[in-house]
Every structure is written in C-alpha cells, then in structure tokens.
C-alpha cells in the first residue's frame, strides 16, 4: 500500500504552516486614515516631522545601520537611482550574479550600463568573489552583489576587490531586510544599498523601494535623482540635474511604517526557526542546509534554500522530489536560481534603444555559469519566508515531510 501522498497515501501536512502574508493590523489602518484626512498624500506635502515617507526613510535607514534613506517607487528604480548617483556612464560595466531576479541586471541596461553576469559560490548561492575578480576589465566601474534569498554575501572579499581595483559597490538588498553581516545591516556596508518593498518581500508596502547610504554626498545625489533634480534646501522650482520623479507616496510609507514595527521580531523568528530546521536537515540523508558562514549574524530570508542530493535519493530528479514534497503539503520552488542571462531579453539582445557608447554587451548566449546552472537544475530547493513565522512545530512538520519522502523514495523510482 502506498505511503507517499503523491501515490495516494495520507499527506503529512494538512494545515497551514506559518502565517498568511502580508501581515497588517490597526497600525496600518490608523496610518492610512491619518494620511487620508491630512490631505497631504505625497512627501512634499509635509515636513520631516509629519511626512510618513520621511519617517520611514529615517526609521528604516537606522534599522539597517545607515545614516540616510531615500524612499523610491520600487526596487528596480532604486537600483537605477543608485547607479545614477554613483555616476554611471554609457558602456560602463557592472558585475552582478547569475542567480537573482532579472531586474538586478536590467536596471543597469536602463541607465545604459552593461551588466556582466558571473557565477555563484556553490556553498552559499551568493555571487562568487573569484568570479567577480576574473570578470574585471578596464571598463568595469562597480560590483552589484545580491544578498540572494536574504543571505549576506561575502562583503569582506568583495570590498577588498573593490578597494584594490577602485570600484564602487551597490548592494542589491531586495531580499535582505533585517539580515546582518558581521552585526551590520545589509545595504549599509557598500556605497549604497537598494531594497524592494514589493508584495512578497519581508517588508512590504505592495510596491516600493528605498536606497540607504552612509555617504552624505551620495545621499544628496540620491535625493536629487529621485526628486526631479532638486537639491535639498534649495528653492522648490530650482532644478539642477535631469532626473525623474521616483518618489514614494505617503500611502506606501503609511503601510511600510506599520511593517517596520514588526520587522525585528519577524526577522528573529525566521532566523530562529531556520536554525531549528537546519539541525533537522542535517539528520536526513540526501538533504542539507546552506551552512552559515561566520559573517552571517542574522538571516532574514525572502525565501529559504536548502540542498537536495539526487544520488542519496535513489537518483530521482530534483523536480520529482519537489512534486513529492508538494503532495505531502510542503510546496517548494527554485527561487531565482535560474541564470538570468538565459532569458530571451539577453540571448536575443532585446534591450531596445539603450546606448552603450563605444562598448557592446557580451554575447549572453555564450556566458557560462556552470554552478548556477547545476544548482538550479539539480540541487536548490526554496520555500517561502512566511512558513517560518509560526512555531517549531511547523518546522517539525516540514522535516517530517522531507524525511517521509526520503524513507519511501522507492515509490518514486
């Protein structure tokens, strides 16, 4: 008689794990009503003491250990704004990882820079410092590491490379709200950090983003590039540079401020539950956690990855394992592991009227990232962050589902 749910057996998980997402309560309701009744629905309508946007900028920057925050319309445009503030020029090369959401690289193209896509470290799925070093040319101006899944990248190695070659670092921290590297908030380590507040993120306002920095001059440039070329303290209709309107609304900030109040507790809960799960994963043949490097002092993940080894599961494919887990009530995916350069926009060079000056992007169809390819196809399993907002009993159910598939893998062959 079949034991696995995929073959008709009873499934392990028959209730919701974690919590629904997004989470909200009376805080958001009160903030939104206050904005509504104020009649000041954009950040220019009030001063720093009353503007929800300004309060969010200050609060989030401090939470991530930065001096300055500039709230932006979304995470993609946060990267664009950061690139402009750095002084990007047509044809400049920016190094970024293969494992990320496509916007990390397309943000570069949208400001006429060339993304140079490199492989990831198989140990932690983050951008490989060795691959970064190998990709540097005389056209390279910066590194755009992604704290992929919320796991802090190897910022010590990347900073050493950047310092030696005279490069800047913009941290794509879209997955890393509340994650800390050596006790310091992700996004505050390089020159600029960029965050997304899109619906699924661990801090959300539906859509939105923010740039943070500890550099006073870069903070002024970020402000100007997001505020139609205005400079702080200058007359309102005095514009100094060509720039867009990338301002966050008071509505978005009202919601984000509510989430910010819960972020510390939620980050600690996810991190604690993940450590509990990791201990259990080590006891099951054929799966293993991403072992934490010494610099990972808190991991508040957008999605959590663990590793699947087919050879210890009787040779079944990663996809077959995912299907069996889903039948047991534990949905899994691959996150953003699929190498971005394989997207048609890169292989077919569909970037429209972008201007790269005298330089041209590489033939992305020939860009090889063997570790990212292998991990996406055979190894990496992701589960969503909301599952980790419950108690350890939810982790026990996840482990039971994985162990059940392992113990009955013969049914899948």
Protein backbone atom coordinates (compact mmCIF):
# COMPACT_ATOMS: atom_id res chain seq x y z
CA UNK A 1 0.00 0.00 0.00
CA UNK A 2 1.40 3.41 -1.00
CA UNK A 3 2.68 5.63 1.79
CA UNK A 4 3.61 8.74 -0.20
CA UNK A 5 0.78 11.20 -0.78
CA UNK A 6 1.76 11.55 -4.43
CA UNK A 7 0.76 7.89 -4.83
CA UNK A 8 -2.43 8.10 -2.78
CA UNK A 9 -1.15 7.94 0.79
CA UNK A 10 -2.06 10.40 3.55
CA UNK A 11 -0.11 13.64 3.43
CA UNK A 12 1.96 14.84 6.36
CA UNK A 13 0.90 18.49 6.38
CA UNK A 14 -2.85 19.06 6.39
CA UNK A 15 -2.95 22.59 7.82
CA UNK A 16 -1.42 25.97 7.09
CA UNK A 17 2.18 26.48 8.13
CA UNK A 18 3.44 29.82 9.35
CA UNK A 19 1.20 32.80 8.73
CA UNK A 20 -0.64 34.49 5.89
CA UNK A 21 1.25 37.25 4.08
CA UNK A 22 1.13 40.21 4.17
CA UNK A 23 0.56 40.85 7.86
CA UNK A 24 -1.17 44.04 8.92
CA UNK A 25 -3.27 45.41 11.76
CA UNK A 26 -4.64 48.62 13.21
CA UNK A 27 -1.29 50.35 12.83
CA UNK A 28 -1.56 50.42 9.05
CA UNK A 29 -5.25 51.36 9.23
CA UNK A 30 -4.52 54.31 11.52
CA UNK A 31 -1.58 55.46 9.41
CA UNK A 32 -3.60 55.31 6.19
CA UNK A 33 -6.54 57.16 7.73
CA UNK A 34 -4.18 59.84 9.02
CA UNK A 35 -2.77 60.31 5.52
CA UNK A 36 -6.26 60.41 4.02
CA UNK A 37 -7.56 63.03 6.40
CA UNK A 38 -4.41 65.15 6.24
CA UNK A 39 -4.91 65.86 2.55
CA UNK A 40 -1.14 65.51 2.16
CA UNK A 41 -0.76 62.41 0.06
CA UNK A 42 2.80 62.97 -1.24
CA UNK A 43 6.07 63.53 0.57
CA UNK A 44 6.21 67.21 -0.44
CA UNK A 45 3.01 67.90 1.47
CA UNK A 46 4.57 67.89 4.92
CA UNK A 47 7.82 68.36 6.80
CA UNK A 48 10.11 65.67 8.19
CA UNK A 49 8.11 65.51 11.42
CA UNK A 50 4.79 64.75 9.71
CA UNK A 51 5.65 63.10 6.39
CA UNK A 52 5.21 59.34 6.56
CA UNK A 53 7.82 58.97 3.82
CA UNK A 54 10.39 60.94 5.78
CA UNK A 55 9.64 58.98 8.93
CA UNK A 56 10.00 55.70 7.06
CA UNK A 57 13.29 56.82 5.48
CA UNK A 58 14.72 57.71 8.87
CA UNK A 59 13.40 54.61 10.63
CA UNK A 60 14.43 52.07 8.02
CA UNK A 61 17.88 53.58 7.47
CA UNK A 62 18.55 53.44 11.21
CA UNK A 63 17.27 49.85 11.38
CA UNK A 64 19.78 48.83 8.70
CA UNK A 65 22.63 50.86 10.31
CA UNK A 66 22.74 53.65 7.70
CA UNK A 67 22.69 57.43 8.11
CA UNK A 68 20.46 58.22 5.17
CA UNK A 69 17.44 56.74 3.41
CA UNK A 70 15.70 57.84 0.22
CA UNK A 71 12.35 56.12 -0.42
CA UNK A 72 11.74 55.14 -4.05
CA UNK A 73 8.82 53.93 -6.18
CA UNK A 74 10.10 50.33 -6.40
CA UNK A 75 13.19 48.18 -6.03
CA UNK A 76 14.20 48.23 -9.69
CA UNK A 77 14.18 52.01 -9.81
CA UNK A 78 16.04 52.08 -6.51
CA UNK A 79 18.94 50.36 -8.30
CA UNK A 80 18.60 52.74 -11.26
CA UNK A 81 18.67 55.72 -8.90
CA UNK A 82 21.74 54.34 -7.12
CA UNK A 83 23.57 53.79 -10.42
CA UNK A 84 22.86 57.36 -11.45
CA UNK A 85 24.05 58.69 -8.10
CA UNK A 86 27.31 56.76 -8.49
CA UNK A 87 27.86 58.49 -11.83
CA UNK A 88 27.29 55.66 -14.29
CA UNK A 89 28.17 56.40 -17.93
CA UNK A 90 27.13 54.68 -21.16
CA UNK A 91 29.08 51.46 -21.66
CA UNK A 92 30.33 51.16 -18.09
CA UNK A 93 30.45 47.55 -16.93
CA UNK A 94 28.77 46.44 -13.71
CA UNK A 95 29.33 42.93 -12.35
CA UNK A 96 26.28 41.07 -10.98
CA UNK A 97 25.38 37.43 -10.23
CA UNK A 98 23.53 34.94 -12.40
CA UNK A 99 21.25 33.94 -9.52
CA UNK A 100 18.94 36.89 -8.93
CA UNK A 101 15.77 38.47 -10.21
CA UNK A 102 16.31 39.86 -13.70
CA UNK A 103 15.86 43.47 -12.52
CA UNK A 104 19.34 43.46 -10.98
CA UNK A 105 20.79 43.41 -14.48
CA UNK A 106 18.06 45.21 -16.41
CA UNK A 107 18.37 48.20 -14.07
CA UNK A 108 21.91 48.54 -15.40
CA UNK A 109 20.75 48.48 -19.03
CA UNK A 110 18.05 51.05 -18.27
CA UNK A 111 20.81 53.54 -17.36
CA UNK A 112 22.96 52.47 -20.35
CA UNK A 113 25.41 50.34 -18.37
CA UNK A 114 26.43 46.80 -19.31
CA UNK A 115 25.70 44.03 -16.80
CA UNK A 116 28.47 41.44 -16.65
CA UNK A 117 26.89 38.28 -15.28
CA UNK A 118 29.05 35.92 -13.24
CA UNK A 119 28.68 32.61 -11.41
CA UNK A 120 27.74 31.95 -7.81
CA UNK A 121 29.51 30.22 -4.92
CA UNK A 122 28.08 26.68 -4.60
CA UNK A 123 28.50 26.81 -0.82
CA UNK A 124 26.09 29.68 -0.18
CA UNK A 125 24.50 30.57 -3.58
CA UNK A 126 25.90 34.12 -3.40
CA UNK A 127 27.98 35.92 -6.03
CA UNK A 128 31.42 34.32 -6.26
CA UNK A 129 34.25 36.73 -5.35
CA UNK A 130 36.62 34.68 -7.55
CA UNK A 131 34.23 35.06 -10.49
CA UNK A 132 34.00 38.80 -9.83
CA UNK A 133 37.78 39.13 -9.85
CA UNK A 134 38.05 37.20 -13.11
CA UNK A 135 35.44 39.40 -14.81
CA UNK A 136 37.09 42.77 -14.13
CA UNK A 137 38.23 44.72 -17.21
CA UNK A 138 39.35 48.28 -17.81
CA UNK A 139 35.65 49.12 -18.37
CA UNK A 140 34.49 47.78 -15.00
CA UNK A 141 33.27 50.51 -12.64
CA UNK A 142 31.40 48.61 -9.96
CA UNK A 143 30.02 45.46 -8.36
CA UNK A 144 26.32 44.85 -7.78
CA UNK A 145 26.17 41.91 -5.36
CA UNK A 146 22.79 40.48 -4.38
CA UNK A 147 22.18 39.24 -0.86
CA UNK A 148 20.39 36.38 -2.54
CA UNK A 149 17.48 34.98 -0.55
CA UNK A 150 18.47 37.37 2.24
CA UNK A 151 21.75 35.54 2.96
CA UNK A 152 24.55 38.11 3.33
CA UNK A 153 27.10 37.96 0.52
CA UNK A 154 30.84 37.78 1.26
CA UNK A 155 31.20 41.53 1.65
CA UNK A 156 34.73 41.36 3.08
CA UNK A 157 36.10 39.70 -0.06
CA UNK A 158 34.04 41.91 -2.36
CA UNK A 159 35.12 45.09 -0.58
CA UNK A 160 38.77 44.05 -0.79
CA UNK A 161 38.39 43.51 -4.54
CA UNK A 162 36.57 46.81 -4.94
CA UNK A 163 39.18 48.75 -2.99
CA UNK A 164 42.04 47.18 -4.93
CA UNK A 165 40.50 47.99 -8.32
CA UNK A 166 38.90 51.33 -7.44
CA UNK A 167 35.31 50.06 -7.85
CA UNK A 168 32.12 51.03 -6.06
CA UNK A 169 29.66 48.55 -4.55
CA UNK A 170 25.87 48.83 -4.73
CA UNK A 171 24.21 46.13 -2.62
CA UNK A 172 21.02 44.70 -4.08
CA UNK A 173 19.33 44.02 -0.76
CA UNK A 174 15.84 43.36 -2.12
CA UNK A 175 15.77 40.04 -0.23
CA UNK A 176 17.67 41.13 2.89
CA UNK A 177 15.57 43.42 5.10
CA UNK A 178 16.83 42.70 8.61
CA UNK A 179 19.71 40.43 7.58
CA UNK A 180 23.03 41.34 9.15
CA UNK A 181 26.61 40.83 8.03
CA UNK A 182 29.03 40.76 11.00
CA UNK A 183 26.33 42.50 13.00
CA UNK A 184 25.82 45.26 10.43
CA UNK A 185 22.64 45.67 8.43
CA UNK A 186 22.83 44.55 4.82
CA UNK A 187 22.75 47.52 2.46
CA UNK A 188 24.83 49.73 4.77
CA UNK A 189 28.17 48.07 4.02
CA UNK A 190 28.95 49.14 0.45
CA UNK A 191 28.42 52.58 -1.07
CA UNK A 192 24.63 52.28 -1.47
CA UNK A 193 22.09 49.62 -0.56
CA UNK A 194 18.85 49.11 -2.51
CA UNK A 195 15.71 47.43 -1.18
CA UNK A 196 12.38 46.38 -2.67
CA UNK A 197 9.08 46.66 -0.79
CA UNK A 198 7.13 44.60 -3.32
CA UNK A 199 4.22 42.50 -2.08
CA UNK A 200 6.14 39.31 -1.33
CA UNK A 201 9.11 40.89 0.43
CA UNK A 202 9.69 40.59 4.18
CA UNK A 203 8.88 44.29 4.48
CA UNK A 204 6.21 45.38 2.03
CA UNK A 205 4.06 48.32 1.01
CA UNK A 206 2.67 46.49 -2.04
CA UNK A 207 5.16 48.26 -4.27
CA UNK A 208 8.01 50.50 -3.21
CA UNK A 209 11.72 50.65 -2.56
CA UNK A 210 14.41 52.52 -0.68
CA UNK A 211 18.09 53.37 -1.05
CA UNK A 212 20.31 53.71 2.00
CA UNK A 213 23.84 55.04 2.40
CA UNK A 214 26.33 56.31 4.96
CA UNK A 215 27.82 58.77 2.47
CA UNK A 216 26.49 62.35 2.79
CA UNK A 217 27.32 63.30 -0.80
CA UNK A 218 25.71 60.16 -2.25
CA UNK A 219 22.63 60.80 -0.12
CA UNK A 220 22.22 64.24 -1.71
CA UNK A 221 22.61 62.77 -5.18
CA UNK A 222 20.09 60.03 -4.46
CA UNK A 223 17.63 62.65 -3.25
CA UNK A 224 18.12 64.73 -6.37
CA UNK A 225 17.81 61.84 -8.80
CA UNK A 226 14.56 60.71 -7.17
CA UNK A 227 13.12 64.24 -6.83
CA UNK A 228 13.28 65.67 -10.38
CA UNK A 229 16.73 67.17 -9.94
CA UNK A 230 16.06 69.24 -6.84
CA UNK A 231 18.75 69.75 -4.22
CA UNK A 232 17.92 69.65 -0.50
CA UNK A 233 17.44 73.12 0.97
CA UNK A 234 17.20 74.87 -2.40
CA UNK A 235 14.07 76.58 -3.81
CA UNK A 236 11.35 74.13 -4.83
CA UNK A 237 11.27 75.09 -8.52
CA UNK A 238 15.05 75.14 -8.87
CA UNK A 239 16.20 72.00 -10.72
CA UNK A 240 19.88 71.16 -11.07
CA UNK A 241 20.10 67.86 -12.97
CA UNK A 242 17.95 65.88 -15.40
CA UNK A 243 16.10 63.38 -13.22
CA UNK A 244 12.83 61.52 -12.85
CA UNK A 245 10.11 61.56 -10.22
CA UNK A 246 10.81 58.37 -8.26
CA UNK A 247 9.12 59.47 -5.03
CA UNK A 248 7.31 57.05 -2.74
CA UNK A 249 3.79 58.15 -1.83
CA UNK A 250 2.56 58.82 1.70
CA UNK A 251 0.18 55.87 1.27
CA UNK A 252 3.02 53.43 0.67
CA UNK A 253 5.01 54.81 3.59
CA UNK A 254 1.99 54.53 5.88
CA UNK A 255 1.90 50.78 5.22
CA UNK A 256 5.68 50.35 5.33
CA UNK A 257 5.90 52.05 8.72
CA UNK A 258 3.49 49.50 10.16
CA UNK A 259 5.57 46.62 8.83
CA UNK A 260 8.77 48.20 10.10
CA UNK A 261 7.45 47.98 13.65
CA UNK A 262 7.25 44.17 13.30
CA UNK A 263 10.40 43.60 11.27
CA UNK A 264 12.77 42.98 14.19
CA UNK A 265 10.54 40.35 15.77
CA UNK A 266 9.76 38.68 12.45
CA UNK A 267 13.43 38.61 11.46
CA UNK A 268 14.39 36.94 14.72
CA UNK A 269 11.55 34.41 14.41
CA UNK A 270 12.53 33.41 10.87
CA UNK A 271 16.19 33.17 11.80
CA UNK A 272 15.49 31.05 14.90
CA UNK A 273 13.13 28.70 13.06
CA UNK A 274 15.61 28.34 10.20
CA UNK A 275 18.36 27.28 12.62
CA UNK A 276 16.00 24.70 14.10
CA UNK A 277 15.17 23.40 10.62
CA UNK A 278 18.85 23.27 9.69
CA UNK A 279 19.62 21.00 12.64
CA UNK A 280 16.90 18.63 11.44
CA UNK A 281 18.00 18.71 7.81
CA UNK A 282 21.45 17.52 8.85
CA UNK A 283 19.84 14.34 10.18
CA UNK A 284 18.18 13.39 6.87
CA UNK A 285 20.30 11.69 4.21
CA UNK A 286 20.15 13.45 0.85
CA UNK A 287 19.34 16.97 2.02
CA UNK A 288 21.43 19.60 3.76
CA UNK A 289 21.18 23.24 4.74
CA UNK A 290 23.27 26.05 3.37
CA UNK A 291 25.85 26.12 6.14
CA UNK A 292 26.17 29.61 7.53
CA UNK A 293 29.44 31.45 7.08
CA UNK A 294 30.88 33.24 10.09
CA UNK A 295 29.70 36.63 8.82
CA UNK A 296 26.01 35.64 8.82
CA UNK A 297 24.86 37.12 12.13
CA UNK A 298 21.17 37.18 11.17
CA UNK A 299 19.49 35.65 8.15
CA UNK A 300 16.05 37.14 7.49
CA UNK A 301 15.26 35.46 4.21
CA UNK A 302 12.86 36.30 1.39
CA UNK A 303 12.92 32.60 0.60
CA UNK A 304 14.87 29.85 2.34
CA UNK A 305 17.05 27.46 0.33
CA UNK A 306 18.24 24.01 1.22
CA UNK A 307 20.16 21.47 -0.86
CA UNK A 308 18.94 18.23 -2.45
CA UNK A 309 21.35 15.48 -3.46
CA UNK A 310 19.81 13.18 -6.07
CA UNK A 311 22.37 10.41 -5.59
CA UNK A 312 21.16 9.94 -1.99
CA UNK A 313 17.54 9.80 -3.15
CA UNK A 314 17.95 6.85 -5.44
CA UNK A 315 18.74 9.05 -8.41
CA UNK A 316 15.32 10.74 -8.62
CA UNK A 317 15.33 14.22 -10.13
CA UNK A 318 15.02 17.43 -8.19
CA UNK A 319 11.68 18.04 -9.90
CA UNK A 320 10.34 14.65 -8.82
CA UNK A 321 11.39 15.40 -5.24
CA UNK A 322 9.63 18.79 -5.35
CA UNK A 323 6.44 17.13 -6.66
CA UNK A 324 6.52 14.54 -3.89
CA UNK A 325 7.06 17.22 -1.24
CA UNK A 326 4.18 19.29 -2.61
CA UNK A 327 1.88 16.27 -2.33
CA UNK A 328 2.88 15.99 1.33
CA UNK A 329 1.80 19.62 1.83
CA UNK A 330 5.15 21.38 1.54
CA UNK A 331 5.39 23.49 -1.58
CA UNK A 332 8.88 24.19 -2.89
CA UNK A 333 10.44 26.01 -5.80
CA UNK A 334 13.76 27.23 -7.11
CA UNK A 335 13.63 30.89 -6.10
CA UNK A 336 15.63 32.96 -8.58
CA UNK A 337 18.31 30.32 -9.20
CA UNK A 338 17.72 30.03 -12.97
CA UNK A 339 20.60 32.03 -14.53
CA UNK A 340 19.22 35.34 -15.70
CA UNK A 341 21.36 35.51 -18.86
CA UNK A 342 19.28 32.68 -20.31
CA UNK A 343 16.25 34.98 -20.53
CA UNK A 344 15.29 35.93 -24.12
CA UNK A 345 15.89 39.61 -23.45
CA UNK A 346 19.60 38.76 -23.05
CA UNK A 347 20.03 35.96 -25.57
CA UNK A 348 18.04 37.85 -28.24
CA UNK A 349 19.54 41.23 -27.23
CA UNK A 350 16.12 42.80 -26.78
CA UNK A 351 17.14 45.93 -24.90
CA UNK A 352 15.65 48.46 -27.26
CA UNK A 353 17.26 51.87 -27.67
CA UNK A 354 19.78 51.54 -24.82
CA UNK A 355 23.03 53.38 -25.57
CA UNK A 356 26.30 51.72 -24.57
CA UNK A 357 28.65 54.26 -26.12
CA UNK A 358 31.64 52.65 -27.78
CA UNK A 359 31.14 49.37 -25.91
CA UNK A 360 28.79 46.50 -26.59
CA UNK A 361 27.36 43.89 -24.19
CA UNK A 362 28.75 40.38 -24.41
CA UNK A 363 27.05 37.56 -26.26
CA UNK A 364 24.99 36.43 -23.29
CA UNK A 365 24.10 33.16 -25.03
CA UNK A 366 27.76 32.23 -24.53
CA UNK A 367 28.06 33.40 -20.91
CA UNK A 368 28.75 30.29 -18.84
CA UNK A 369 27.77 29.98 -15.19
CA UNK A 370 28.14 26.24 -14.54
CA UNK A 371 27.49 26.32 -10.81
CA UNK A 372 24.32 28.36 -11.16
CA UNK A 373 23.18 26.04 -13.97
CA UNK A 374 23.84 22.91 -11.91
CA UNK A 375 22.28 24.23 -8.72
CA UNK A 376 19.13 25.43 -10.48
CA UNK A 377 18.67 22.14 -12.31
CA UNK A 378 19.58 19.57 -9.69
CA UNK A 379 20.10 20.94 -6.18
CA UNK A 380 18.48 24.12 -4.89
CA UNK A 381 15.07 23.95 -3.18
CA UNK A 382 13.36 27.11 -1.94
CA UNK A 383 10.45 27.61 0.46
CA UNK A 384 8.72 30.88 1.20
CA UNK A 385 9.54 33.05 4.20
CA UNK A 386 6.01 33.11 5.62
CA UNK A 387 6.29 29.42 6.58
CA UNK A 388 8.87 30.40 9.20
CA UNK A 389 6.63 32.82 11.12
CA UNK A 390 4.98 30.08 13.20
CA UNK A 391 6.45 27.82 15.86
CA UNK A 392 8.97 24.98 15.82
CA UNK A 393 6.08 22.54 15.42
CA UNK A 394 5.79 23.83 11.84
CA UNK A 395 9.47 23.09 11.30
CA UNK A 396 8.88 19.58 12.64
CA UNK A 397 6.15 19.03 10.06
CA UNK A 398 8.42 20.26 7.26
CA UNK A 399 11.16 17.89 8.41
CA UNK A 400 8.67 15.03 8.71
CA UNK A 401 7.53 15.59 5.13
CA UNK A 402 11.09 15.58 3.82
CA UNK A 403 12.02 12.51 5.87
CA UNK A 404 8.92 10.65 4.68
CA UNK A 405 9.85 11.19 1.04
CA UNK A 406 13.40 10.01 1.78
CA UNK A 407 12.25 6.89 3.61
CA UNK A 408 9.84 5.93 0.83
CA UNK A 409 11.85 7.09 -2.17
CA UNK A 410 11.46 3.64 -3.73
CA UNK A 411 7.86 4.58 -4.56
CA UNK A 412 9.16 7.34 -6.85
CA UNK A 413 11.52 5.23 -8.94
